[in-house]
Amino acid sequence: MPLTGKETFFKAKDGSEIQMFAASPGDGKKHPSVIVVHEIWGLEENIRSIANRFAKKGYNAYAPHLFSRFGKHFTAKNIESAMTRFFSIPEKERWSQDGMQKALQTASTEEKQIIEKIFGSRNETTKTMVKDLISLMEHISKQPEADGDKIGSIGFCLGGGLVFQLAADAPIKATSVFYGANPDPVTSISNIKGKVIGSYAAEDPRVNAGIGAMMESFVQSRKEIEVKIYENAQHAFFNDLRPTYNKKAADDAWNRTLEFFARELA
């Protein structure tokens, strides 16, 4: 199959240009589409690779760099540097105002902007990113290679939480959540119109602390979800560029996701 991949952009509601990588089968036919949403590092090679993997399976894949609206300095390297500085603060202090100030004291100008955007105003940043994903859905539906509204999403870590929220805020048909935060509020799960599949790591206490409330909300809403927790796996087990990569868990989660999309986006 003659795959095509390109660096491009789409326009958000406010006119901002959001960078993205787009991959497609390149055969001139219409195909279902998948939005691939990055971890907190931004659009790195692991995410481009996942987009290409979907294109090989017959999907159009769109991987936005959601941080790009905030400036060119929001690169994977700079974000990792800022996160290292932020997480050097003891956990009990880091989310307080004093802890935030400690992280900012020795940070560079770029690191300060990243810390403030990702951690200091996280709720506002999340809302902006979800709105941008809704704009991307609208953009995709107008593309000649797209098969109408047959659109799904997959997200990892930060991206997992974003696609979960997107499912509660927009009529997307299929959502694959990898170790992502619950929609806020969790009761907004009742608004989900499509189907959801979740993949979680057993050794991920921060994210897993929300699974109980999430499952309860699905039960109360009489909504469908398929969840699997991977034994001996850590957060970010799907990222083959990170030391947390777990091939056994990643392969199984990938196959489950492919079966899920084949069923829901057919």
Foldseek 3Di string as FASTA:
>chain_A
DDKDKDWDWFAFPVGQTWIKIKMALPPLAAFFEEEEEEAQLFDDPLRVVVQNVVRVVGYIYIYTRLCVSVDPLSHSVLLVVLVVLLPVQPPVQSLDPVSLVNSVPPDDPSSNSNCCLCRVPPVVSLVSSLSRVVSVQVVQQPDSRHDHLLYEYEYAACGLQSSQQNQLVDARAEYEHELYAAHVPLLSNLSGDHEYEYEYEPAEVVSVVCPVVNVVSCVVSVHDYHYDYDYPAYGPCQRPVDPRPDVVSNVVSVVVVVVRSVVRSD
